[in-house]
Structures are given as structure tokens and as C-alpha cells.
PDB file of all heavy atoms in Angstrom:
ATOM      1  N   ASN A   1      99.851-182.541 121.221  1.00  0.00           N
ATOM      2  CA  ASN A   1      98.436-182.409 120.874  1.00  0.00           C
ATOM      3  C   ASN A   1      98.071-183.368 119.750  1.00  0.00           C
ATOM      4  O   ASN A   1      98.940-183.877 119.036  1.00  0.00           O
ATOM      5  CB  ASN A   1      98.150-180.972 120.425  1.00  0.00           C
ATOM      6  CG  ASN A   1      98.461-179.957 121.516  1.00  0.00           C
ATOM      7  OD1 ASN A   1      97.637-179.652 122.356  1.00  0.00           O
ATOM      8  ND2 ASN A   1      99.688-179.410 121.496  1.00  0.00           N
ATOM      9  N   GLU A   2      96.781-183.586 119.580  1.00  0.00           N
ATOM     10  CA  GLU A   2      96.347-184.556 118.568  1.00  0.00           C
ATOM     11  C   GLU A   2      94.998-184.159 117.975  1.00  0.00           C
ATOM     12  O   GLU A   2      94.131-183.607 118.656  1.00  0.00           O
ATOM     13  CB  GLU A   2      96.241-185.948 119.198  1.00  0.00           C
ATOM     14  CG  GLU A   2      95.883-187.040 118.196  1.00  0.00           C
ATOM     15  CD  GLU A   2      96.251-188.423 118.700  1.00  0.00           C
ATOM     16  OE1 GLU A   2      97.125-188.540 119.586  1.00  0.00           O
ATOM     17  OE2 GLU A   2      95.663-189.388 118.198  1.00  0.00           O
ATOM     18  N   LEU A   3      94.889-184.438 116.675  1.00  0.00           N
ATOM     19  CA  LEU A   3      93.589-184.453 116.004  1.00  0.00           C
ATOM     20  C   LEU A   3      93.191-185.913 115.860  1.00  0.00           C
ATOM     21  O   LEU A   3      93.928-186.705 115.269  1.00  0.00           O
ATOM     22  CB  LEU A   3      93.683-183.787 114.626  1.00  0.00           C
ATOM     23  CG  LEU A   3      93.783-182.265 114.631  1.00  0.00           C
ATOM     24  CD1 LEU A   3      94.196-181.768 113.245  1.00  0.00           C
ATOM     25  CD2 LEU A   3      92.456-181.629 115.042  1.00  0.00           C
ATOM     26  N   PHE A   4      92.038-186.279 116.407  1.00  0.00           N
ATOM     27  CA  PHE A   4      91.616-187.670 116.406  1.00  0.00           C
ATOM     28  C   PHE A   4      90.851-188.011 115.132  1.00  0.00           C
ATOM     29  O   PHE A   4      90.399-187.135 114.399  1.00  0.00           O
ATOM     30  CB  PHE A   4      90.756-187.952 117.641  1.00  0.00           C
ATOM     31  CG  PHE A   4      91.496-187.755 118.934  1.00  0.00           C
ATOM     32  CD1 PHE A   4      91.294-186.615 119.704  1.00  0.00           C
ATOM     33  CD2 PHE A   4      92.412-188.701 119.369  1.00  0.00           C
ATOM     34  CE1 PHE A   4      91.977-186.429 120.896  1.00  0.00           C
ATOM     35  CE2 PHE A   4      93.102-188.526 120.561  1.00  0.00           C
ATOM     36  CZ  PHE A   4      92.893-187.387 121.323  1.00  0.00           C
ATOM     37  N   ARG A   5      90.708-189.303 114.891  1.00  0.00           N
ATOM     38  CA  ARG A   5      90.003-189.781 113.697  1.00  0.00           C
ATOM     39  C   ARG A   5      88.627-189.131 113.568  1.00  0.00           C
ATOM     40  O   ARG A   5      88.254-188.668 112.488  1.00  0.00           O
ATOM     41  CB  ARG A   5      89.874-191.308 113.733  1.00  0.00           C
ATOM     42  CG  ARG A   5      88.903-191.869 112.692  1.00  0.00           C
ATOM     43  CD  ARG A   5      88.774-193.369 112.795  1.00  0.00           C
ATOM     44  NE  ARG A   5      89.750-194.012 111.939  1.00  0.00           N
ATOM     45  CZ  ARG A   5      89.546-194.318 110.663  1.00  0.00           C
ATOM     46  NH1 ARG A   5      88.392-193.980 110.078  1.00  0.00           N
ATOM     47  NH2 ARG A   5      90.461-194.927 109.947  1.00  0.00           N
ATOM     48  N   GLN A   6      87.878-189.077 114.662  1.00  0.00           N
ATOM     49  CA  GLN A   6      86.530-188.514 114.579  1.00  0.00           C
ATOM     50  C   GLN A   6      86.548-187.036 114.233  1.00  0.00           C
ATOM     51  O   GLN A   6      85.631-186.522 113.579  1.00  0.00           O
ATOM     52  CB  GLN A   6      85.762-188.749 115.887  1.00  0.00           C
ATOM     53  CG  GLN A   6      86.409-188.166 117.131  1.00  0.00           C
ATOM     54  CD  GLN A   6      87.276-189.154 117.866  1.00  0.00           C
ATOM     55  OE1 GLN A   6      87.864-190.043 117.244  1.00  0.00           O
ATOM     56  NE2 GLN A   6      87.342-189.025 119.193  1.00  0.00           N
ATOM     57  N   ASP A   7      87.606-186.323 114.667  1.00  0.00           N
ATOM     58  CA  ASP A   7      87.746-184.913 114.302  1.00  0.00           C
ATOM     59  C   ASP A   7      87.897-184.762 112.796  1.00  0.00           C
ATOM     60  O   ASP A   7      87.229-183.942 112.153  1.00  0.00           O
ATOM     61  CB  ASP A   7      88.975-184.295 114.982  1.00  0.00           C
ATOM     62  CG  ASP A   7      88.889-184.314 116.499  1.00  0.00           C
ATOM     63  OD1 ASP A   7      87.766-184.161 117.017  1.00  0.00           O
ATOM     64  OD2 ASP A   7      89.934-184.479 117.147  1.00  0.00           O
ATOM     65  N   LEU A   8      88.798-185.548 112.237  1.00  0.00           N
ATOM     66  CA  LEU A   8      89.106-185.428 110.816  1.00  0.00           C
ATOM     67  C   LEU A   8      87.954-185.909 109.948  1.00  0.00           C
ATOM     68  O   LEU A   8      87.643-185.302 108.916  1.00  0.00           O
ATOM     69  CB  LEU A   8      90.383-186.207 110.502  1.00  0.00           C
ATOM     70  CG  LEU A   8      91.630-185.735 111.284  1.00  0.00           C
ATOM     71  CD1 LEU A   8      92.814-186.655 111.014  1.00  0.00           C
ATOM     72  CD2 LEU A   8      91.981-184.302 110.923  1.00  0.00           C
ATOM     73  N   GLU A   9      87.304-186.980 110.351  1.00  0.00           N
ATOM     74  CA  GLU A   9      86.176-187.480 109.574  1.00  0.00           C
ATOM     75  C   GLU A   9      84.999-186.514 109.635  1.00  0.00           C
ATOM     76  O   GLU A   9      84.240-186.389 108.663  1.00  0.00           O
ATOM     77  CB  GLU A   9      85.778-188.868 110.067  1.00  0.00           C
ATOM     78  CG  GLU A   9      86.803-189.943 109.724  1.00  0.00           C
ATOM     79  CD  GLU A   9      86.377-191.332 110.148  1.00  0.00           C
ATOM     80  OE1 GLU A   9      85.612-191.452 111.131  1.00  0.00           O
ATOM     81  OE2 GLU A   9      86.821-192.304 109.507  1.00  0.00           O
ATOM     82  N   ARG A  10      84.858-185.818 110.754  1.00  0.00           N
ATOM     83  CA  ARG A  10      83.792-184.817 110.866  1.00  0.00           C
ATOM     84  C   ARG A  10      84.009-183.687 109.847  1.00  0.00           C
ATOM     85  O   ARG A  10      83.052-183.078 109.376  1.00  0.00           O
ATOM     86  CB  ARG A  10      83.771-184.264 112.299  1.00  0.00           C
ATOM     87  CG  ARG A  10      82.688-183.249 112.597  1.00  0.00           C
ATOM     88  CD  ARG A  10      82.352-183.255 114.092  1.00  0.00           C
ATOM     89  NE  ARG A  10      83.539-183.198 114.934  1.00  0.00           N
ATOM     90  CZ  ARG A  10      84.030-182.071 115.456  1.00  0.00           C
ATOM     91  NH1 ARG A  10      83.432-180.911 115.214  1.00  0.00           N
ATOM     92  NH2 ARG A  10      85.086-182.096 116.235  1.00  0.00           N
ATOM     93  N   ALA A  11      85.253-183.435 109.507  1.00  0.00           N
ATOM     94  CA  ALA A  11      85.567-182.403 108.520  1.00  0.00           C
ATOM     95  C   ALA A  11      85.513-182.936 107.094  1.00  0.00           C
ATOM     96  O   ALA A  11      85.721-182.166 106.142  1.00  0.00           O
ATOM     97  CB  ALA A  11      86.955-181.831 108.801  1.00  0.00           C
ATOM     98  N   GLY A  12      85.230-184.223 106.932  1.00  0.00           N
ATOM     99  CA  GLY A  12      85.161-184.805 105.597  1.00  0.00           C
ATOM    100  C   GLY A  12      86.496-185.280 105.049  1.00  0.00           C
ATOM    101  O   GLY A  12      86.604-185.643 103.873  1.00  0.00           O
ATOM    102  N   LEU A  13      87.543-185.287 105.904  1.00  0.00           N
ATOM    103  CA  LEU A  13      88.839-185.743 105.444  1.00  0.00           C
ATOM    104  C   LEU A  13      88.856-187.266 105.336  1.00  0.00           C
ATOM    105  O   LEU A  13      88.147-187.961 106.061  1.00  0.00           O
ATOM    106  CB  LEU A  13      89.945-185.273 106.394  1.00  0.00           C
ATOM    107  CG  LEU A  13      90.504-183.865 106.163  1.00  0.00           C
ATOM    108  CD1 LEU A  13      89.408-182.801 106.264  1.00  0.00           C
ATOM    109  CD2 LEU A  13      91.611-183.560 107.157  1.00  0.00           C
ATOM    110  N   LYS A  14      89.684-187.763 104.432  1.00  0.00           N
ATOM    111  CA  LYS A  14      89.821-189.204 104.235  1.00  0.00           C
ATOM    112  C   LYS A  14      91.088-189.685 104.939  1.00  0.00           C
ATOM    113  O   LYS A  14      92.185-189.215 104.654  1.00  0.00           O
ATOM    114  CB  LYS A  14      89.891-189.535 102.743  1.00  0.00           C
ATOM    115  CG  LYS A  14      90.098-191.008 102.430  1.00  0.00           C
ATOM    116  CD  LYS A  14      88.919-191.866 102.849  1.00  0.00           C
ATOM    117  CE  LYS A  14      87.706-191.602 102.022  1.00  0.00           C
ATOM    118  NZ  LYS A  14      86.610-192.566 102.323  1.00  0.00           N
ATOM    119  N   ILE A  15      90.931-190.652 105.858  1.00  0.00           N
ATOM    120  CA  ILE A  15      92.056-191.196 106.605  1.00  0.00           C
ATOM    121  C   ILE A  15      92.735-192.277 105.760  1.00  0.00           C
ATOM    122  O   ILE A  15      92.076-193.210 105.295  1.00  0.00           O
ATOM    123  CB  ILE A  15      91.598-191.815 107.945  1.00  0.00           C
ATOM    124  CG1 ILE A  15      90.686-190.847 108.711  1.00  0.00           C
ATOM    125  CG2 ILE A  15      92.803-192.223 108.782  1.00  0.00           C
ATOM    126  CD1 ILE A  15      91.280-189.520 109.016  1.00  0.00           C
ATOM    127  N   LEU A  16      94.061-192.171 105.606  1.00  0.00           N
ATOM    128  CA  LEU A  16      94.797-193.152 104.814  1.00  0.00           C
ATOM    129  C   LEU A  16      95.691-194.053 105.661  1.00  0.00           C
ATOM    130  O   LEU A  16      95.850-195.228 105.352  1.00  0.00           O
ATOM    131  CB  LEU A  16      95.665-192.448 103.756  1.00  0.00           C
ATOM    132  CG  LEU A  16      94.956-191.503 102.784  1.00  0.00           C
ATOM    133  CD1 LEU A  16      95.946-190.995 101.743  1.00  0.00           C
ATOM    134  CD2 LEU A  16      93.762-192.173 102.128  1.00  0.00           C
ATOM    135  N   VAL A  17      96.300-193.484 106.704  1.00  0.00           N
ATOM    136  CA  VAL A  17      97.254-194.242 107.528  1.00  0.00           C
ATOM    137  C   VAL A  17      97.041-193.865 108.983  1.00  0.00           C
ATOM    138  O   VAL A  17      96.921-192.688 109.320  1.00  0.00           O
ATOM    139  CB  VAL A  17      98.713-193.917 107.121  1.00  0.00           C
ATOM    140  CG1 VAL A  17      99.696-194.613 108.068  1.00  0.00           C
ATOM    141  CG2 VAL A  17      98.987-194.322 105.677  1.00  0.00           C
ATOM    142  N   GLU A  18      97.000-194.876 109.871  1.00  0.00           N
ATOM    143  CA  GLU A  18      96.878-194.578 111.294  1.00  0.00           C
ATOM    144  C   GLU A  18      97.564-195.647 112.131  1.00  0.00           C
ATOM    145  O   GLU A  18      97.925-196.723 111.637  1.00  0.00           O
ATOM    146  CB  GLU A  18      95.422-194.411 111.714  1.00  0.00           C
ATOM    147  CG  GLU A  18      94.572-195.644 111.643  1.00  0.00           C
ATOM    148  CD  GLU A  18      93.127-195.373 112.091  1.00  0.00           C
ATOM    149  OE1 GLU A  18      92.908-194.401 112.848  1.00  0.00           O
ATOM    150  OE2 GLU A  18      92.234-196.124 111.671  1.00  0.00           O
ATOM    151  N   SER A  19      97.726-195.323 113.401  1.00  0.00           N
ATOM    152  CA  SER A  19      98.371-196.210 114.364  1.00  0.00           C
ATOM    153  C   SER A  19      97.416-196.475 115.518  1.00  0.00           C
ATOM    154  O   SER A  19      96.682-195.581 115.945  1.00  0.00           O
ATOM    155  CB  SER A  19      99.654-195.554 114.895  1.00  0.00           C
ATOM    156  OG  SER A  19     100.112-196.185 116.071  1.00  0.00           O
ATOM    157  N   GLU A  20      97.442-197.704 116.041  1.00  0.00           N
ATOM    158  CA  GLU A  20      96.618-198.021 117.201  1.00  0.00           C
ATOM    159  C   GLU A  20      97.053-197.220 118.417  1.00  0.00           C
ATOM    160  O   GLU A  20      96.253-196.946 119.309  1.00  0.00           O
ATOM    161  CB  GLU A  20      96.705-199.522 117.504  1.00  0.00           C
ATOM    162  CG  GLU A  20      96.088-200.400 116.418  1.00  0.00           C
ATOM    163  CD  GLU A  20      96.229-201.883 116.725  1.00  0.00           C
ATOM    164  OE1 GLU A  20      96.842-202.199 117.772  1.00  0.00           O
ATOM    165  OE2 GLU A  20      95.752-202.713 115.938  1.00  0.00           O
ATOM    166  N   VAL A  21      98.321-196.828 118.458  1.00  0.00           N
ATOM    167  CA  VAL A  21      98.855-196.092 119.606  1.00  0.00           C
ATOM    168  C   VAL A  21      98.925-194.596 119.332  1.00  0.00           C
ATOM    169  O   VAL A  21      98.492-193.780 120.147  1.00  0.00           O
ATOM    170  CB  VAL A  21     100.253-196.625 119.983  1.00  0.00           C
ATOM    171  CG1 VAL A  21     100.859-195.802 121.121  1.00  0.00           C
ATOM    172  CG2 VAL A  21     100.194-198.099 120.357  1.00  0.00           C
ATOM    173  N   ALA A  22      99.460-194.234 118.178  1.00  0.00           N
ATOM    174  CA  ALA A  22      99.753-192.822 117.888  1.00  0.00           C
ATOM    175  C   ALA A  22      98.647-192.111 117.125  1.00  0.00           C
ATOM    176  O   ALA A  22      98.750-190.914 116.878  1.00  0.00           O
ATOM    177  CB  ALA A  22     101.063-192.719 117.104  1.00  0.00           C
ATOM    178  N   GLY A  23      97.590-192.813 116.758  1.00  0.00           N
ATOM    179  CA  GLY A  23      96.479-192.177 116.063  1.00  0.00           C
ATOM    180  C   GLY A  23      96.717-191.971 114.585  1.00  0.00           C
ATOM    181  O   GLY A  23      97.570-192.620 113.966  1.00  0.00           O
ATOM    182  N   VAL A  24      95.973-191.046 113.994  1.00  0.00           N
ATOM    183  CA  VAL A  24      96.041-190.805 112.554  1.00  0.00           C
ATOM    184  C   VAL A  24      97.371-190.154 112.203  1.00  0.00           C
ATOM    185  O   VAL A  24      97.799-189.185 112.836  1.00  0.00           O
ATOM    186  CB  VAL A  24      94.881-189.897 112.101  1.00  0.00           C
ATOM    187  CG1 VAL A  24      95.051-189.500 110.634  1.00  0.00           C
ATOM    188  CG2 VAL A  24      93.549-190.599 112.311  1.00  0.00           C
ATOM    189  N   HIS A  25      98.000-190.689 111.187  1.00  0.00           N
ATOM    190  CA  HIS A  25      99.231-190.086 110.669  1.00  0.00           C
ATOM    191  C   HIS A  25      98.988-189.333 109.371  1.00  0.00           C
ATOM    192  O   HIS A  25      99.430-188.202 109.217  1.00  0.00           O
ATOM    193  CB  HIS A  25     100.294-191.157 110.439  1.00  0.00           C
ATOM    194  CG  HIS A  25     101.439-190.704 109.581  1.00  0.00           C
ATOM    195  ND1 HIS A  25     102.188-189.577 109.876  1.00  0.00           N
ATOM    196  CD2 HIS A  25     101.941-191.196 108.405  1.00  0.00           C
ATOM    197  CE1 HIS A  25     103.121-189.411 108.939  1.00  0.00           C
ATOM    198  NE2 HIS A  25     102.980-190.364 108.047  1.00  0.00           N
ATOM    199  N   LEU A  26      98.264-189.941 108.433  1.00  0.00           N
ATOM    200  CA  LEU A  26      98.124-189.390 107.092  1.00  0.00           C
ATOM    201  C   LEU A  26      96.649-189.321 106.703  1.00  0.00           C
ATOM    202  O   LEU A  26      95.921-190.299 106.805  1.00  0.00           O
ATOM    203  CB  LEU A  26      98.895-190.256 106.095  1.00  0.00           C
ATOM    204  CG  LEU A  26      98.762-189.963 104.605  1.00  0.00           C
ATOM    205  CD1 LEU A  26      99.164-188.532 104.280  1.00  0.00           C
ATOM    206  CD2 LEU A  26      99.608-190.939 103.790  1.00  0.00           C
ATOM    207  N   ALA A  27      96.231-188.127 106.258  1.00  0.00           N
ATOM    208  CA  ALA A  27      94.860-187.923 105.777  1.00  0.00           C
ATOM    209  C   ALA A  27      94.911-186.933 104.619  1.00  0.00           C
ATOM    210  O   ALA A  27      95.902-186.203 104.440  1.00  0.00           O
ATOM    211  CB  ALA A  27      93.961-187.394 106.888  1.00  0.00           C
ATOM    212  N   VAL A  28      93.848-186.901 103.829  1.00  0.00           N
ATOM    213  CA  VAL A  28      93.774-185.971 102.704  1.00  0.00           C
ATOM    214  C   VAL A  28      92.437-185.238 102.737  1.00  0.00           C
ATOM    215  O   VAL A  28      91.469-185.703 103.322  1.00  0.00           O
ATOM    216  CB  VAL A  28      93.946-186.698 101.344  1.00  0.00           C
ATOM    217  CG1 VAL A  28      95.367-187.196 101.169  1.00  0.00           C
ATOM    218  CG2 VAL A  28      92.954-187.852 101.210  1.00  0.00           C
ATOM    219  N   SER A  29      92.418-184.088 102.087  1.00  0.00           N
ATOM    220  CA  SER A  29      91.205-183.275 101.998  1.00  0.00           C
ATOM    221  C   SER A  29      90.123-184.023 101.239  1.00  0.00           C
ATOM    222  O   SER A  29      90.405-185.021 100.550  1.00  0.00           O
ATOM    223  CB  SER A  29      91.533-181.942 101.330  1.00  0.00           C
ATOM    224  OG  SER A  29      92.263-182.145 100.127  1.00  0.00           O
ATOM    225  N   PRO A  30      88.867-183.588 101.330  1.00  0.00           N
ATOM    226  CA  PRO A  30      87.765-184.323 100.694  1.00  0.00           C
ATOM    227  C   PRO A  30      87.939-184.545  99.192  1.00  0.00           C
ATOM    228  O   PRO A  30      87.421-185.521  98.654  1.00  0.00           O
ATOM    229  CB  PRO A  30      86.547-183.437 100.986  1.00  0.00           C
ATOM    230  CG  PRO A  30      86.896-182.746 102.259  1.00  0.00           C
ATOM    231  CD  PRO A  30      88.373-182.475 102.164  1.00  0.00           C
ATOM    232  N   ASP A  31      88.682-183.657  98.504  1.00  0.00           N
ATOM    233  CA  ASP A  31      88.929-183.841  97.070  1.00  0.00           C
ATOM    234  C   ASP A  31      90.034-184.853  96.800  1.00  0.00           C
ATOM    235  O   ASP A  31      90.337-185.154  95.656  1.00  0.00           O
ATOM    236  CB  ASP A  31      89.306-182.494  96.427  1.00  0.00           C
ATOM    237  CG  ASP A  31      90.458-181.836  97.150  1.00  0.00           C
ATOM    238  OD1 ASP A  31      91.586-182.334  97.032  1.00  0.00           O
ATOM    239  OD2 ASP A  31      90.233-180.836  97.877  1.00  0.00           O
ATOM    240  N   LEU A  32      90.675-185.360  97.864  1.00  0.00           N
ATOM    241  CA  LEU A  32      91.654-186.456  97.834  1.00  0.00           C
ATOM    242  C   LEU A  32      93.061-186.056  97.406  1.00  0.00           C
ATOM    243  O   LEU A  32      93.948-186.911  97.347  1.00  0.00           O
ATOM    244  CB  LEU A  32      91.164-187.621  96.950  1.00  0.00           C
ATOM    245  CG  LEU A  32      89.803-188.216  97.304  1.00  0.00           C
ATOM    246  CD1 LEU A  32      89.447-189.357  96.353  1.00  0.00           C
ATOM    247  CD2 LEU A  32      89.789-188.717  98.750  1.00  0.00           C
ATOM    248  N   LEU A  33      93.330-184.754  97.143  1.00  0.00           N
ATOM    249  CA  LEU A  33      94.677-184.356  96.739  1.00  0.00           C
ATOM    250  C   LEU A  33      95.084-182.959  97.169  1.00  0.00           C
ATOM    251  O   LEU A  33      96.246-182.722  97.500  1.00  0.00           O
ATOM    252  CB  LEU A  33      94.826-184.457  95.212  1.00  0.00           C
ATOM    253  CG  LEU A  33      96.208-184.038  94.657  1.00  0.00           C
ATOM    254  CD1 LEU A  33      97.295-184.992  95.158  1.00  0.00           C
ATOM    255  CD2 LEU A  33      96.200-183.959  93.147  1.00  0.00           C
ATOM    256  N   ARG A  34      94.141-182.001  97.182  1.00  0.00           N
ATOM    257  CA  ARG A  34      94.529-180.596  97.324  1.00  0.00           C
ATOM    258  C   ARG A  34      95.319-180.321  98.597  1.00  0.00           C
ATOM    259  O   ARG A  34      96.227-179.492  98.607  1.00  0.00           O
ATOM    260  CB  ARG A  34      93.289-179.681  97.293  1.00  0.00           C
ATOM    261  CG  ARG A  34      92.460-179.757  96.015  1.00  0.00           C
ATOM    262  CD  ARG A  34      93.260-179.417  94.763  1.00  0.00           C
ATOM    263  NE  ARG A  34      93.923-178.127  94.809  1.00  0.00           N
ATOM    264  CZ  ARG A  34      93.339-176.959  94.540  1.00  0.00           C
ATOM    265  NH1 ARG A  34      92.047-176.922  94.232  1.00  0.00           N
ATOM    266  NH2 ARG A  34      94.044-175.839  94.560  1.00  0.00           N
ATOM    267  N   VAL A  35      94.984-180.995  99.710  1.00  0.00           N
ATOM    268  CA  VAL A  35      95.738-180.837 100.954  1.00  0.00           C
ATOM    269  C   VAL A  35      96.026-182.222 101.529  1.00  0.00           C
ATOM    270  O   VAL A  35      95.128-183.041 101.675  1.00  0.00           O
ATOM    271  CB  VAL A  35      94.982-179.995 101.994  1.00  0.00           C
ATOM    272  CG1 VAL A  35      95.908-179.688 103.189  1.00  0.00           C
ATOM    273  CG2 VAL A  35      94.464-178.691 101.394  1.00  0.00           C
ATOM    274  N   VAL A  36      97.299-182.462 101.828  1.00  0.00           N
ATOM    275  CA  VAL A  36      97.757-183.712 102.440  1.00  0.00           C
ATOM    276  C   VAL A  36      98.197-183.381 103.861  1.00  0.00           C
ATOM    277  O   VAL A  36      99.001-182.471 104.073  1.00  0.00           O
ATOM    278  CB  VAL A  36      98.927-184.319 101.637  1.00  0.00           C
ATOM    279  CG1 VAL A  36      99.454-185.575 102.323  1.00  0.00           C
ATOM    280  CG2 VAL A  36      98.482-184.627 100.204  1.00  0.00           C
ATOM    281  N   TYR A  37      97.660-184.118 104.832  1.00  0.00           N
ATOM    282  CA  TYR A  37      97.909-183.820 106.235  1.00  0.00           C
ATOM    283  C   TYR A  37      98.728-184.936 106.889  1.00  0.00           C
ATOM    284  O   TYR A  37      98.315-186.096 106.886  1.00  0.00           O
ATOM    285  CB  TYR A  37      96.589-183.686 106.997  1.00  0.00           C
ATOM    286  CG  TYR A  37      95.687-182.569 106.527  1.00  0.00           C
ATOM    287  CD1 TYR A  37      94.610-182.824 105.677  1.00  0.00           C
ATOM    288  CD2 TYR A  37      95.888-181.252 106.957  1.00  0.00           C
ATOM    289  CE1 TYR A  37      93.763-181.803 105.260  1.00  0.00           C
ATOM    290  CE2 TYR A  37      95.051-180.222 106.555  1.00  0.00           C
ATOM    291  CZ  TYR A  37      93.998-180.504 105.704  1.00  0.00           C
ATOM    292  OH  TYR A  37      93.155-179.485 105.296  1.00  0.00           O
TER     293      TYR A  37
END
């Protein structure tokens, strides 16, 4: 399963690392630290 970039951005998460093939790898909560995904 996958959470896509548009899913995470809709939630206000900040995308830090992604792959053209495998999608988003690393994102953080809107406060930039409290939750690392």
C-alpha cells in the first residue's frame, strides 16, 4: 500500500525525500518535528 504525495500534502505534511518509482519516503508533520513519517 502507499500514501501518495498528494495525500500527505493534503494533510499539511512536508515532503523531504521521495523516489520517482517508490514515491514518498520521508515526510514530517506540519510543525516539522513532532512526527516523522
